C-alpha cells in the first residue's frame, strides 16, 4: 500500500518500482552518481551554502528546518539542472517543491484517500505537482535536444548508456524521486546536525577548526580530498544519521521464507523495517543513546553492519554518496563561519515521512564577532 501510494506521487522511480525494473533503472542512472562527478557536485553544494548563509545576520533567530529545506532545495535543483540559469523560475520552483514536500507524511502514504479530499492543502499540492511535472517535461525535452554534458544529474539521466536509455517518463520519475529524497531527508539531516552541535560547544569548536583548515574546492582539490580532511565532520554526520535517521521506518516484502528469532516470516509477507530501532540496539552500537561522533574514527559507516540510513542491498539509495557528501560539506560550510546557539524551548523528534526536529530554533553568532 505504501509504495502503491508513493507511485501516485513520484511515479515509478527507483524508490517505488518492482525489483525487476529497479535493476534496469539503476544501471542506466548509475553514471550520474559516479565518484568522478562528485567534485562538480561538491562545488555546486558549496556555492549554494555560500548563497544561503550570505543572507544570515549576527543575532538572527533561525527557524532551522525550513531554512535547511530551502538550502537542500537550492542544492538539489542546482546539482540536477546546470544547462541554463533558472533565474526568476527558481523562487517559484522552490515554493512548488516546498508545497510538494510538506504534503508528504506517513499518514498520507498509508491512507491515500486523504489526498483526494477537496481541501485547500490538497489543492495547493496538486498545483505544485502540476508545475513541477511541466517544468521537468520541458527540461527533459531541452536536454534531449541539447545532448551535451553539463556536469549535472539531468545530463546523465538523458544520455544513453548503450543501446538502451531511460524513457522520458522514466527520467521524470527518477527526477521526482531524487527531488523528494534529496530535499526532505537531507534537510532533516542538516537540522539534526546543527542541533547536536548547538548542544556541545567543544565539539562545535572542533568541527569549526577542521572546516576552517580545509582548502576549499576549486584549487586543484577533489571532493574526495576535502572529505578526507573532514574526519570529525564526517563523524558528526554519521552519528546524526545513526541517532536520528531521517528514514526512520519503511516497508519491505520477504522474497523467501525466513525467520527472525523464533518468528517465521513466509515469502510474500509485508514487514516493517526501522533503522531507528536498529541504530539504538546496544549490541550493534554501544551506549546507543549517547551522541558519540568519535565512534566513527577510522571506520567507514557505509561498511558498518546495522547502519542503514540509506537502506541496504540492491535497493540501497543510489545517491547515498552524494547525500553524505552534501551533508558533510554543507555542515562544514555553515560551521566554518557561524556558531548556532540553542534558544529556549524543547526540541523533540516528530515522526512524519522523515524523523523531523520539531520546535528547533537557533540563534546565529558570527564567529569573527565572538
Protein backbone atom coordinates (compact mmCIF):
# COMPACT_ATOMS: atom_id res chain seq x y z
CA UNK A 1 0.00 0.00 0.00
CA UNK A 2 2.82 2.39 0.91
CA UNK A 3 4.64 2.00 -2.39
CA UNK A 4 1.46 1.96 -4.46
CA UNK A 5 0.56 5.32 -2.97
CA UNK A 6 4.11 6.60 -3.42
CA UNK A 7 3.86 5.75 -7.13
CA UNK A 8 0.89 8.10 -7.40
CA UNK A 9 3.17 10.87 -6.06
CA UNK A 10 6.63 10.30 -7.55
CA UNK A 11 5.83 7.86 -10.35
CA UNK A 12 7.52 4.54 -10.97
CA UNK A 13 11.03 5.60 -9.97
CA UNK A 14 13.78 3.57 -8.34
CA UNK A 15 12.36 4.00 -4.84
CA UNK A 16 8.93 2.62 -5.74
CA UNK A 17 9.20 0.30 -8.75
CA UNK A 18 9.38 -3.53 -8.57
CA UNK A 19 12.85 -5.05 -8.16
CA UNK A 20 12.96 -6.42 -11.72
CA UNK A 21 12.51 -2.92 -13.14
CA UNK A 22 14.72 -1.38 -10.46
CA UNK A 23 17.82 -3.19 -11.75
CA UNK A 24 17.49 -1.66 -15.22
CA UNK A 25 16.74 1.84 -13.92
CA UNK A 26 19.67 1.67 -11.54
CA UNK A 27 22.06 0.55 -14.29
CA UNK A 28 21.02 3.42 -16.55
CA UNK A 29 21.03 6.09 -13.82
CA UNK A 30 24.21 4.96 -12.03
CA UNK A 31 26.66 7.00 -14.17
CA UNK A 32 25.08 10.20 -12.81
CA UNK A 33 26.40 9.23 -9.36
CA UNK A 34 29.88 8.10 -10.41
CA UNK A 35 32.60 9.21 -7.98
CA UNK A 36 34.32 11.12 -10.80
CA UNK A 37 31.39 13.53 -10.95
CA UNK A 38 31.32 14.28 -7.22
CA UNK A 39 33.79 17.18 -7.36
CA UNK A 40 31.48 19.11 -9.70
CA UNK A 41 28.50 18.43 -7.45
CA UNK A 42 30.55 19.46 -4.40
CA UNK A 43 31.34 22.86 -5.93
CA UNK A 44 27.65 23.36 -6.59
CA UNK A 45 26.75 22.47 -2.99
CA UNK A 46 29.35 24.87 -1.61
CA UNK A 47 28.05 27.67 -3.81
CA UNK A 48 24.52 27.16 -2.52
CA UNK A 49 25.69 27.12 1.12
CA UNK A 50 27.52 30.40 0.50
CA UNK A 51 24.43 31.93 -1.10
CA UNK A 52 22.14 30.95 1.79
CA UNK A 53 24.50 31.89 4.64
CA UNK A 54 25.27 35.24 2.99
CA UNK A 55 21.72 36.30 3.91
CA UNK A 56 22.19 35.45 7.61
CA UNK A 57 22.85 38.14 10.22
CA UNK A 58 24.55 38.08 13.61
CA UNK A 59 21.96 37.56 16.35
CA UNK A 60 19.27 36.31 13.97
CA UNK A 61 16.90 33.60 15.24
CA UNK A 62 16.79 30.79 12.71
CA UNK A 63 13.79 28.51 12.21
CA UNK A 64 16.14 25.69 11.34
CA UNK A 65 14.13 23.06 9.47
CA UNK A 66 12.51 25.45 6.92
CA UNK A 67 15.90 27.12 6.41
CA UNK A 68 17.63 23.79 5.81
CA UNK A 69 14.82 22.74 3.49
CA UNK A 70 15.45 25.91 1.47
CA UNK A 71 19.18 25.08 1.33
CA UNK A 72 18.51 21.47 0.34
CA UNK A 73 16.08 22.60 -2.37
CA UNK A 74 18.62 25.01 -3.82
CA UNK A 75 21.39 22.40 -3.77
CA UNK A 76 19.22 19.65 -5.28
CA UNK A 77 17.91 21.85 -8.10
CA UNK A 78 21.42 23.17 -8.80
CA UNK A 79 23.01 19.73 -8.97
CA UNK A 80 20.22 18.48 -11.21
CA UNK A 81 19.96 21.39 -13.68
CA UNK A 82 23.04 23.30 -14.88
CA UNK A 83 22.05 23.65 -18.54
CA UNK A 84 20.93 27.22 -18.02
CA UNK A 85 20.39 29.82 -15.34
CA UNK A 86 16.93 29.17 -13.95
CA UNK A 87 16.83 32.82 -12.89
CA UNK A 88 13.36 34.04 -11.90
CA UNK A 89 11.97 30.49 -12.10
CA UNK A 90 13.93 29.38 -9.03
CA UNK A 91 11.74 31.12 -6.46
CA UNK A 92 8.56 29.64 -7.94
CA UNK A 93 10.14 26.20 -8.22
CA UNK A 94 11.33 26.33 -4.61
CA UNK A 95 7.81 27.21 -3.47
CA UNK A 96 6.35 24.37 -5.55
CA UNK A 97 8.90 21.90 -4.19
CA UNK A 98 8.25 23.09 -0.62
CA UNK A 99 4.47 22.65 -1.02
CA UNK A 100 5.05 19.24 -2.59
CA UNK A 101 7.40 18.10 0.18
CA UNK A 102 5.28 19.49 3.03
CA UNK A 103 2.39 17.38 1.78
CA UNK A 104 4.23 14.10 2.26
CA UNK A 105 3.55 12.40 5.60
CA UNK A 106 3.47 8.80 6.76
CA UNK A 107 -0.30 9.12 7.27
CA UNK A 108 -0.82 10.15 3.65
CA UNK A 109 1.41 7.31 2.46
CA UNK A 110 -0.80 4.69 4.13
CA UNK A 111 -4.17 6.47 3.74
CA UNK A 112 -4.26 7.58 0.08
CA UNK A 113 -7.89 8.69 0.38
CA UNK A 114 -6.71 11.77 2.29
CA UNK A 115 -5.05 13.07 -0.88
CA UNK A 116 -8.37 13.12 -2.73
CA UNK A 117 -10.26 15.25 -0.23
CA UNK A 118 -11.20 18.74 -1.59
CA UNK A 119 -9.08 20.63 0.95
CA UNK A 120 -7.04 23.77 0.39
CA UNK A 121 -3.85 21.89 1.21
CA UNK A 122 -4.59 19.17 -1.35
CA UNK A 123 -5.44 21.81 -3.97
CA UNK A 124 -2.13 23.59 -3.35
CA UNK A 125 -0.32 20.25 -3.55
CA UNK A 126 -1.90 19.37 -6.91
CA UNK A 127 -1.00 22.79 -8.31
CA UNK A 128 2.61 22.36 -7.13
CA UNK A 129 2.80 18.84 -8.54
CA UNK A 130 1.49 20.03 -11.92
CA UNK A 131 4.04 22.85 -12.01
CA UNK A 132 6.91 20.51 -11.20
CA UNK A 133 5.85 17.97 -13.83
CA UNK A 134 5.52 20.68 -16.51
CA UNK A 135 8.95 22.01 -15.63
CA UNK A 136 10.53 18.55 -15.72
CA UNK A 137 8.91 17.68 -19.06
CA UNK A 138 10.19 20.93 -20.60
CA UNK A 139 13.72 20.43 -19.23
CA UNK A 140 13.90 16.80 -20.34
CA UNK A 141 12.92 17.82 -23.87
CA UNK A 142 15.54 20.59 -23.85
CA UNK A 143 18.28 18.27 -22.56
CA UNK A 144 17.39 15.73 -25.25
CA UNK A 145 17.73 18.40 -27.96
CA UNK A 146 20.97 19.75 -26.47
CA UNK A 147 22.70 16.40 -25.96
CA UNK A 148 25.65 17.99 -24.12
CA UNK A 149 27.05 17.01 -20.73
CA UNK A 150 26.60 19.98 -18.41
CA UNK A 151 28.09 18.18 -15.42
CA UNK A 152 24.71 17.76 -13.75
CA UNK A 153 22.38 14.89 -12.94
CA UNK A 154 19.91 15.60 -15.74
CA UNK A 155 22.66 15.41 -18.38
CA UNK A 156 23.39 11.86 -17.30
CA UNK A 157 19.74 10.83 -16.92
CA UNK A 158 19.05 11.86 -20.53
CA UNK A 159 22.20 10.28 -22.01
CA UNK A 160 22.13 6.74 -23.40
CA UNK A 161 24.45 4.33 -21.60
CA UNK A 162 24.40 1.92 -24.55
CA UNK A 163 21.65 0.99 -26.98
CA UNK A 164 19.21 1.32 -24.07
CA UNK A 165 18.29 4.54 -22.33
CA UNK A 166 15.78 5.94 -19.86
CA UNK A 167 12.50 6.98 -21.47
CA UNK A 168 11.20 10.50 -20.87
CA UNK A 169 8.75 9.18 -18.28
CA UNK A 170 11.49 7.19 -16.54
CA UNK A 171 13.69 10.29 -16.42
CA UNK A 172 10.81 12.30 -14.96
CA UNK A 173 10.03 9.64 -12.34
CA UNK A 174 13.71 9.38 -11.43
CA UNK A 175 13.99 13.16 -11.12
CA UNK A 176 10.91 13.33 -8.90
CA UNK A 177 12.35 10.61 -6.67
CA UNK A 178 15.65 12.50 -6.36
CA UNK A 179 13.81 15.74 -5.58
CA UNK A 180 11.74 14.15 -2.83
CA UNK A 181 14.59 12.20 -1.23
CA UNK A 182 17.32 14.77 -1.86
CA UNK A 183 15.36 17.56 -0.24
CA UNK A 184 13.38 16.02 2.60
CA UNK A 185 15.94 13.63 4.06
CA UNK A 186 18.89 15.99 3.53
CA UNK A 187 17.12 18.93 5.18
CA UNK A 188 16.24 16.82 8.22
CA UNK A 189 19.84 15.58 8.48
CA UNK A 190 21.16 19.16 8.28
CA UNK A 191 18.78 20.30 11.01
CA UNK A 192 19.63 17.50 13.44
CA UNK A 193 23.37 18.05 12.89
CA UNK A 194 23.08 21.75 13.73
CA UNK A 195 21.00 20.89 16.79
CA UNK A 196 23.66 18.48 18.07
CA UNK A 197 26.48 20.98 17.60
CA UNK A 198 24.47 23.68 19.36
CA UNK A 199 24.41 21.41 22.43
CA UNK A 200 28.19 20.83 22.57
CA UNK A 201 30.48 23.84 22.35
CA UNK A 202 33.68 21.76 22.42
CA UNK A 203 32.55 19.57 19.52
CA UNK A 204 31.33 22.64 17.65
CA UNK A 205 34.75 24.28 18.04
CA UNK A 206 36.47 21.10 16.83
CA UNK A 207 34.32 20.95 13.69
CA UNK A 208 34.80 24.68 13.06
CA UNK A 209 38.58 24.38 13.38
CA UNK A 210 38.60 21.44 11.00
CA UNK A 211 36.40 23.25 8.47
CA UNK A 212 38.48 26.44 8.59
CA UNK A 213 41.69 24.47 7.98
CA UNK A 214 40.44 22.75 4.84
CA UNK A 215 41.20 24.32 1.47
CA UNK A 216 38.03 24.95 -0.48
CA UNK A 217 37.34 23.22 -3.78
CA UNK A 218 38.44 24.94 -6.96
CA UNK A 219 42.17 24.96 -6.13
CA UNK A 220 43.11 21.62 -7.63
CA UNK A 221 41.45 19.58 -4.89
CA UNK A 222 38.81 16.93 -5.48
CA UNK A 223 35.75 16.25 -3.36
CA UNK A 224 37.50 13.13 -2.04
CA UNK A 225 40.49 15.26 -0.93
CA UNK A 226 38.28 17.62 1.05
CA UNK A 227 36.15 14.84 2.55
CA UNK A 228 39.29 13.04 3.72
CA UNK A 229 40.33 16.16 5.65
CA UNK A 230 36.99 16.42 7.47
CA UNK A 231 37.03 13.29 9.67
CA UNK A 232 35.28 14.91 12.66
CA UNK A 233 32.59 16.48 10.47
CA UNK A 234 32.02 13.13 8.77
CA UNK A 235 31.75 11.52 12.20
CA UNK A 236 29.10 14.03 13.25
CA UNK A 237 27.10 13.32 10.09
CA UNK A 238 27.40 9.54 10.51
CA UNK A 239 26.29 9.79 14.14
CA UNK A 240 23.36 12.06 13.30
CA UNK A 241 22.24 9.53 10.69
CA UNK A 242 22.52 6.82 13.33
CA UNK A 243 20.71 8.55 16.18
CA UNK A 244 18.14 10.48 14.12
CA UNK A 245 17.98 8.59 10.86
CA UNK A 246 15.61 10.65 8.66
CA UNK A 247 14.18 7.46 7.13
CA UNK A 248 13.00 6.02 10.42
CA UNK A 249 10.73 3.25 9.10
CA UNK A 250 9.89 1.70 5.73
CA UNK A 251 8.14 -1.42 4.43
CA UNK A 252 9.65 -4.39 2.61
CA UNK A 253 8.38 -7.72 1.28
CA UNK A 254 10.06 -11.02 2.22
CA UNK A 255 11.29 -12.64 -1.02
CA UNK A 256 11.87 -16.06 0.59
CA UNK A 257 10.72 -17.94 3.68
CA UNK A 258 12.91 -16.82 6.57
CA UNK A 259 12.99 -16.42 10.33
CA UNK A 260 13.64 -13.55 12.74
CA UNK A 261 14.40 -15.09 16.10
CA UNK A 262 11.60 -17.60 16.69
CA UNK A 263 9.23 -15.82 14.30
CA UNK A 264 8.67 -17.44 10.90
CA UNK A 265 8.29 -14.97 8.02
CA UNK A 266 6.74 -16.52 4.90
CA UNK A 267 7.68 -15.38 1.41
CA UNK A 268 5.44 -12.53 0.30
CA UNK A 269 4.81 -11.25 3.83
CA UNK A 270 4.95 -7.50 4.33
CA UNK A 271 7.33 -6.39 7.07
CA UNK A 272 8.30 -3.03 8.52
CA UNK A 273 11.99 -2.25 8.94
CA UNK A 274 13.04 0.52 11.32
CA UNK A 275 16.59 1.88 11.00
CA UNK A 276 15.83 3.90 14.15
CA UNK A 277 15.32 0.72 16.18
CA UNK A 278 18.40 -0.97 14.73
CA UNK A 279 20.53 2.13 15.33
CA UNK A 280 19.59 2.11 19.03
CA UNK A 281 20.49 -1.51 19.70
CA UNK A 282 23.38 -1.72 22.23
CA UNK A 283 24.70 -4.95 20.70
CA UNK A 284 25.28 -3.07 17.44
CA UNK A 285 26.18 0.37 18.84
CA UNK A 286 27.49 0.53 22.45
CA UNK A 287 25.85 3.30 24.53
CA UNK A 288 23.34 3.92 21.74
CA UNK A 289 21.64 6.87 23.46
CA UNK A 290 24.91 8.83 23.63
CA UNK A 291 25.78 11.11 20.71
CA UNK A 292 29.34 9.99 20.04
CA UNK A 293 30.88 11.02 16.69
CA UNK A 294 34.21 9.58 17.86
CA UNK A 295 32.82 6.06 17.50
CA UNK A 296 33.35 6.52 13.74
CA UNK A 297 37.06 7.32 13.94
CA UNK A 298 38.81 5.15 11.36
CA UNK A 299 35.54 3.50 10.30
CA UNK A 300 33.57 3.82 7.10
CA UNK A 301 29.94 3.95 8.24
CA UNK A 302 28.77 2.62 4.88
CA UNK A 303 30.55 -0.64 5.73
CA UNK A 304 29.22 -0.96 9.29
CA UNK A 305 26.67 -3.69 9.98
CA UNK A 306 23.35 -2.31 11.14
CA UNK A 307 23.90 1.31 9.97
CA UNK A 308 21.04 1.72 7.47
CA UNK A 309 20.07 5.38 6.92
CA UNK A 310 20.24 4.79 3.14
CA UNK A 311 18.89 1.23 3.17
CA UNK A 312 20.99 -1.72 2.04
CA UNK A 313 21.45 -4.27 -0.70
CA UNK A 314 20.10 -3.87 -4.22
CA UNK A 315 17.61 -1.24 -3.10
CA UNK A 316 20.10 0.99 -1.29
CA UNK A 317 19.66 4.67 -2.14
CA UNK A 318 21.52 5.24 -5.41
CA UNK A 319 22.55 8.75 -4.32
CA UNK A 320 23.91 7.83 -0.88
CA UNK A 321 27.46 9.01 -1.67
CA UNK A 322 26.17 12.37 -2.95
CA UNK A 323 23.82 12.76 0.04
CA UNK A 324 26.56 12.01 2.59
CA UNK A 325 28.93 14.44 0.84
CA UNK A 326 26.23 17.12 0.71
CA UNK A 327 25.56 16.77 4.45
CA UNK A 328 29.28 16.89 5.30
CA UNK A 329 30.27 19.84 3.10
CA UNK A 330 27.17 21.84 3.96
CA UNK A 331 27.75 21.36 7.69
CA UNK A 332 31.41 22.37 7.31
CA UNK A 333 30.44 25.40 5.23
CA UNK A 334 27.97 26.61 7.86
CA UNK A 335 30.08 25.91 10.95
CA UNK A 336 33.17 27.46 9.37
CA UNK A 337 31.66 30.93 9.87
CA UNK A 338 28.73 30.51 12.23
CA UNK A 339 28.09 29.29 15.77
CA UNK A 340 24.46 28.33 16.35
CA UNK A 341 23.24 28.63 19.93
CA UNK A 342 20.13 26.99 21.36
CA UNK A 343 17.03 29.06 22.05
CA UNK A 344 14.64 28.44 24.96
CA UNK A 345 12.15 25.67 24.33
CA UNK A 346 12.17 21.93 23.80
CA UNK A 347 13.12 20.09 20.64
CA UNK A 348 11.56 16.70 20.07
CA UNK A 349 11.51 14.19 17.21
CA UNK A 350 8.35 14.31 15.12
CA UNK A 351 7.82 11.15 13.01
CA UNK A 352 6.35 12.28 9.71
CA UNK A 353 7.63 10.95 6.39
CA UNK A 354 11.01 11.60 7.99
CA UNK A 355 12.02 11.99 11.65
CA UNK A 356 11.91 15.79 11.93
CA UNK A 357 13.18 18.00 14.80
CA UNK A 358 10.05 19.81 15.96
CA UNK A 359 10.48 23.21 17.63
CA UNK A 360 14.12 23.71 16.62
CA UNK A 361 15.20 27.37 16.61
CA UNK A 362 18.81 28.52 16.94
CA UNK A 363 20.45 31.94 17.38
CA UNK A 364 23.19 32.82 14.89
CA UNK A 365 26.53 34.06 16.18
CA UNK A 366 29.15 35.06 13.62
CA UNK A 367 32.44 33.54 14.68
CA UNK A 368 34.58 36.62 14.00
CA UNK A 369 32.34 38.60 16.36
CA UNK A 370 32.56 36.20 19.32
